[in-house]
């Protein structure tokens, strides 16, 4: 194989790799069952005061599905 052919093949493979990278989500959210999500606070801690909670959409950055602001899960991390 000539060196120019190898370079062309490498470029094509690089483009295909980048296309695959951008078509796949960079992260997946964790199911509620895994993090023991509950719709009630625990020891005064609730999702609304968690670093991962997105109040505008009632979502979590790490847990899938709709999240109750008064909920809690095992990856709760209090806002600084």
N, C-alpha and C. Protein backbone atom coordinates (compact mmCIF):
# COMPACT_ATOMS: atom_id res chain seq x y z
N UNK A 1 0.86 -1.18 0.00
CA UNK A 1 0.00 0.00 0.00
C UNK A 1 0.90 1.23 0.00
N UNK A 2 0.57 2.19 -0.83
CA UNK A 2 1.38 3.40 -0.90
C UNK A 2 1.06 4.30 0.30
N UNK A 3 1.97 5.19 0.63
CA UNK A 3 1.79 6.05 1.79
C UNK A 3 0.61 7.02 1.60
N UNK A 4 0.37 7.47 0.36
CA UNK A 4 -0.77 8.36 0.10
C UNK A 4 -2.09 7.65 0.33
N UNK A 5 -2.15 6.36 -0.05
CA UNK A 5 -3.37 5.58 0.17
C UNK A 5 -3.62 5.42 1.66
N UNK A 6 -2.58 5.17 2.42
CA UNK A 6 -2.71 5.01 3.86
C UNK A 6 -3.21 6.30 4.51
N UNK A 7 -2.71 7.43 4.04
CA UNK A 7 -3.14 8.72 4.58
C UNK A 7 -4.62 8.96 4.27
N UNK A 8 -5.06 8.64 3.06
CA UNK A 8 -6.46 8.82 2.69
C UNK A 8 -7.36 7.93 3.55
N UNK A 9 -6.94 6.69 3.74
CA UNK A 9 -7.73 5.76 4.57
C UNK A 9 -7.81 6.29 6.00
N UNK A 10 -6.69 6.76 6.53
CA UNK A 10 -6.66 7.31 7.88
C UNK A 10 -7.62 8.50 8.00
N UNK A 11 -7.61 9.40 7.00
CA UNK A 11 -8.51 10.56 7.03
C UNK A 11 -9.97 10.13 7.03
N UNK A 12 -10.29 9.16 6.19
CA UNK A 12 -11.67 8.67 6.13
C UNK A 12 -12.08 8.05 7.47
N UNK A 13 -11.21 7.26 8.05
CA UNK A 13 -11.50 6.64 9.34
C UNK A 13 -11.66 7.71 10.42
N UNK A 14 -10.86 8.76 10.36
CA UNK A 14 -10.96 9.84 11.34
C UNK A 14 -12.30 10.54 11.24
N UNK A 15 -12.74 10.84 10.03
CA UNK A 15 -14.03 11.51 9.82
C UNK A 15 -15.16 10.62 10.32
N UNK A 16 -15.12 9.35 10.02
CA UNK A 16 -16.16 8.42 10.47
C UNK A 16 -16.17 8.33 11.99
N UNK A 17 -15.01 8.33 12.60
CA UNK A 17 -14.92 8.29 14.06
C UNK A 17 -15.54 9.51 14.69
N UNK A 18 -15.27 10.69 14.13
CA UNK A 18 -15.86 11.92 14.65
C UNK A 18 -17.36 11.94 14.46
N UNK A 19 -17.84 11.44 13.34
CA UNK A 19 -19.28 11.38 13.10
C UNK A 19 -19.95 10.50 14.14
N UNK A 20 -19.34 9.37 14.47
CA UNK A 20 -19.88 8.48 15.49
C UNK A 20 -19.87 9.13 16.86
N UNK A 21 -18.82 9.87 17.16
CA UNK A 21 -18.69 10.54 18.45
C UNK A 21 -19.80 11.56 18.65
N UNK A 22 -20.12 12.33 17.61
CA UNK A 22 -21.14 13.37 17.74
C UNK A 22 -22.56 12.84 17.67
N UNK A 23 -22.76 11.62 17.23
CA UNK A 23 -24.11 11.08 17.14
C UNK A 23 -24.52 10.29 18.39
N UNK A 24 -23.58 10.05 19.27
CA UNK A 24 -23.84 9.31 20.51
C UNK A 24 -23.83 10.29 21.67
N UNK A 25 -24.82 10.22 22.57
CA UNK A 25 -24.81 11.11 23.74
C UNK A 25 -23.51 10.93 24.54
N UNK A 26 -23.04 12.01 25.11
CA UNK A 26 -21.79 11.95 25.86
C UNK A 26 -21.98 11.33 27.24
N UNK A 27 -23.19 11.26 27.70
CA UNK A 27 -23.44 10.65 28.99
C UNK A 27 -24.84 10.05 29.00
N UNK A 28 -25.06 9.17 29.92
CA UNK A 28 -26.39 8.60 30.10
C UNK A 28 -26.80 8.86 31.55
N UNK A 29 -28.07 9.12 31.75
CA UNK A 29 -28.55 9.34 33.11
C UNK A 29 -28.84 8.02 33.80
N UNK A 30 -28.76 8.05 35.10
CA UNK A 30 -28.95 6.86 35.92
C UNK A 30 -30.44 6.66 36.23
N UNK A 31 -30.93 5.42 36.15
CA UNK A 31 -32.32 5.15 36.53
C UNK A 31 -32.57 5.48 38.01
N UNK A 32 -33.78 5.92 38.30
CA UNK A 32 -34.14 6.30 39.67
C UNK A 32 -33.95 5.16 40.68
N UNK A 33 -34.22 3.95 40.24
CA UNK A 33 -34.12 2.81 41.15
C UNK A 33 -32.68 2.62 41.65
N UNK A 34 -31.72 2.86 40.78
CA UNK A 34 -30.31 2.65 41.13
C UNK A 34 -29.87 3.61 42.24
N UNK A 35 -30.35 4.86 42.17
CA UNK A 35 -29.93 5.86 43.16
C UNK A 35 -30.93 6.00 44.32
N UNK A 36 -31.87 5.06 44.39
CA UNK A 36 -32.86 5.02 45.47
C UNK A 36 -33.65 6.34 45.58
N UNK A 37 -34.06 6.87 44.42
CA UNK A 37 -34.83 8.12 44.39
C UNK A 37 -36.14 7.95 45.13
N UNK A 38 -36.49 8.98 45.90
CA UNK A 38 -37.78 9.02 46.59
C UNK A 38 -38.34 10.43 46.43
N UNK A 39 -39.66 10.56 46.47
CA UNK A 39 -40.31 11.85 46.24
C UNK A 39 -40.46 12.67 47.51
N UNK A 40 -39.78 12.27 48.57
CA UNK A 40 -39.81 13.02 49.83
C UNK A 40 -38.37 13.31 50.27
N UNK A 41 -38.17 14.39 51.02
CA UNK A 41 -36.83 14.72 51.50
C UNK A 41 -36.29 13.67 52.47
N UNK A 42 -35.00 13.66 52.68
CA UNK A 42 -34.38 12.77 53.66
C UNK A 42 -33.47 13.61 54.55
N UNK A 43 -33.73 13.56 55.84
CA UNK A 43 -32.94 14.30 56.83
C UNK A 43 -32.84 15.79 56.48
N UNK A 44 -33.93 16.36 55.95
CA UNK A 44 -33.96 17.77 55.61
C UNK A 44 -33.32 18.11 54.27
N UNK A 45 -32.79 17.13 53.57
CA UNK A 45 -32.17 17.34 52.27
C UNK A 45 -33.16 17.02 51.16
N UNK A 46 -33.25 17.91 50.16
CA UNK A 46 -34.17 17.72 49.04
C UNK A 46 -33.49 18.12 47.74
N UNK A 47 -34.00 17.61 46.64
CA UNK A 47 -33.44 17.88 45.31
C UNK A 47 -33.29 19.37 45.04
N UNK A 48 -34.24 20.19 45.52
CA UNK A 48 -34.18 21.62 45.23
C UNK A 48 -32.92 22.28 45.76
N UNK A 49 -32.22 21.66 46.69
CA UNK A 49 -30.97 22.21 47.21
C UNK A 49 -29.76 21.38 46.79
N UNK A 50 -29.93 20.57 45.74
CA UNK A 50 -28.86 19.70 45.26
C UNK A 50 -28.15 20.33 44.07
N UNK A 51 -26.87 20.13 43.98
CA UNK A 51 -26.04 20.62 42.90
C UNK A 51 -26.50 20.11 41.53
N UNK A 52 -27.07 18.91 41.47
CA UNK A 52 -27.46 18.28 40.21
C UNK A 52 -28.85 18.68 39.71
N UNK A 53 -29.64 19.35 40.54
CA UNK A 53 -31.03 19.67 40.20
C UNK A 53 -31.12 20.86 39.26
N UNK A 54 -31.97 20.76 38.23
CA UNK A 54 -32.23 21.85 37.28
C UNK A 54 -33.67 22.31 37.53
N UNK A 55 -33.83 23.39 38.27
CA UNK A 55 -35.15 23.85 38.71
C UNK A 55 -36.07 24.25 37.56
N UNK A 56 -35.52 24.84 36.51
CA UNK A 56 -36.34 25.33 35.40
C UNK A 56 -37.14 24.22 34.73
N UNK A 57 -36.61 23.01 34.73
CA UNK A 57 -37.26 21.90 34.03
C UNK A 57 -37.59 20.72 34.95
N UNK A 58 -37.35 20.87 36.25
CA UNK A 58 -37.54 19.77 37.21
C UNK A 58 -36.82 18.51 36.75
N UNK A 59 -35.56 18.69 36.36
CA UNK A 59 -34.73 17.58 35.92
C UNK A 59 -33.49 17.50 36.80
N UNK A 60 -32.81 16.39 36.68
CA UNK A 60 -31.53 16.19 37.35
C UNK A 60 -30.47 15.99 36.28
N UNK A 61 -29.27 16.47 36.54
CA UNK A 61 -28.17 16.29 35.59
C UNK A 61 -27.72 14.84 35.51
N UNK A 62 -28.03 14.05 36.54
CA UNK A 62 -27.53 12.68 36.58
C UNK A 62 -28.59 11.59 36.67
N UNK A 63 -29.82 11.94 37.05
CA UNK A 63 -30.89 10.95 37.21
C UNK A 63 -31.94 11.16 36.12
N UNK A 64 -32.41 10.08 35.52
CA UNK A 64 -33.36 10.20 34.42
C UNK A 64 -34.78 10.48 34.92
N UNK A 65 -35.56 11.12 34.06
CA UNK A 65 -36.98 11.36 34.35
C UNK A 65 -37.24 12.68 35.04
N UNK A 66 -38.53 12.93 35.29
CA UNK A 66 -38.95 14.13 35.99
C UNK A 66 -38.60 13.99 37.47
N UNK A 67 -38.11 15.06 38.06
CA UNK A 67 -37.66 15.03 39.46
C UNK A 67 -38.48 16.01 40.29
N UNK A 68 -38.98 15.54 41.42
CA UNK A 68 -39.73 16.38 42.35
C UNK A 68 -38.73 17.22 43.15
N UNK A 69 -38.93 18.55 43.22
CA UNK A 69 -38.00 19.39 43.99
C UNK A 69 -37.88 18.96 45.45
N UNK A 70 -38.93 18.31 45.97
CA UNK A 70 -38.90 17.83 47.36
C UNK A 70 -38.34 16.41 47.47
N UNK A 71 -37.91 15.84 46.36
CA UNK A 71 -37.39 14.47 46.37
C UNK A 71 -35.97 14.40 46.91
N UNK A 72 -35.44 13.20 46.89
CA UNK A 72 -34.07 12.95 47.37
C UNK A 72 -33.56 11.66 46.75
N UNK A 73 -32.24 11.53 46.56
CA UNK A 73 -31.65 10.28 46.14
C UNK A 73 -30.25 10.13 46.73
N UNK A 74 -29.65 8.99 46.55
CA UNK A 74 -28.38 8.69 47.19
C UNK A 74 -27.18 9.49 46.64
N UNK A 75 -27.34 10.16 45.50
CA UNK A 75 -26.23 10.98 45.01
C UNK A 75 -26.46 12.47 45.27
N UNK A 76 -27.34 12.74 46.23
CA UNK A 76 -27.60 14.13 46.64
C UNK A 76 -26.28 14.79 47.05
N UNK A 77 -26.08 16.02 46.56
CA UNK A 77 -24.89 16.79 46.91
C UNK A 77 -25.33 18.22 47.13
N UNK A 78 -25.26 18.67 48.38
CA UNK A 78 -25.75 20.01 48.75
C UNK A 78 -25.02 21.10 47.98
N UNK A 79 -25.80 22.08 47.52
CA UNK A 79 -25.21 23.24 46.85
C UNK A 79 -24.23 23.93 47.78
N UNK A 80 -23.11 24.39 47.23
CA UNK A 80 -22.12 25.08 48.08
C UNK A 80 -22.62 26.43 48.56
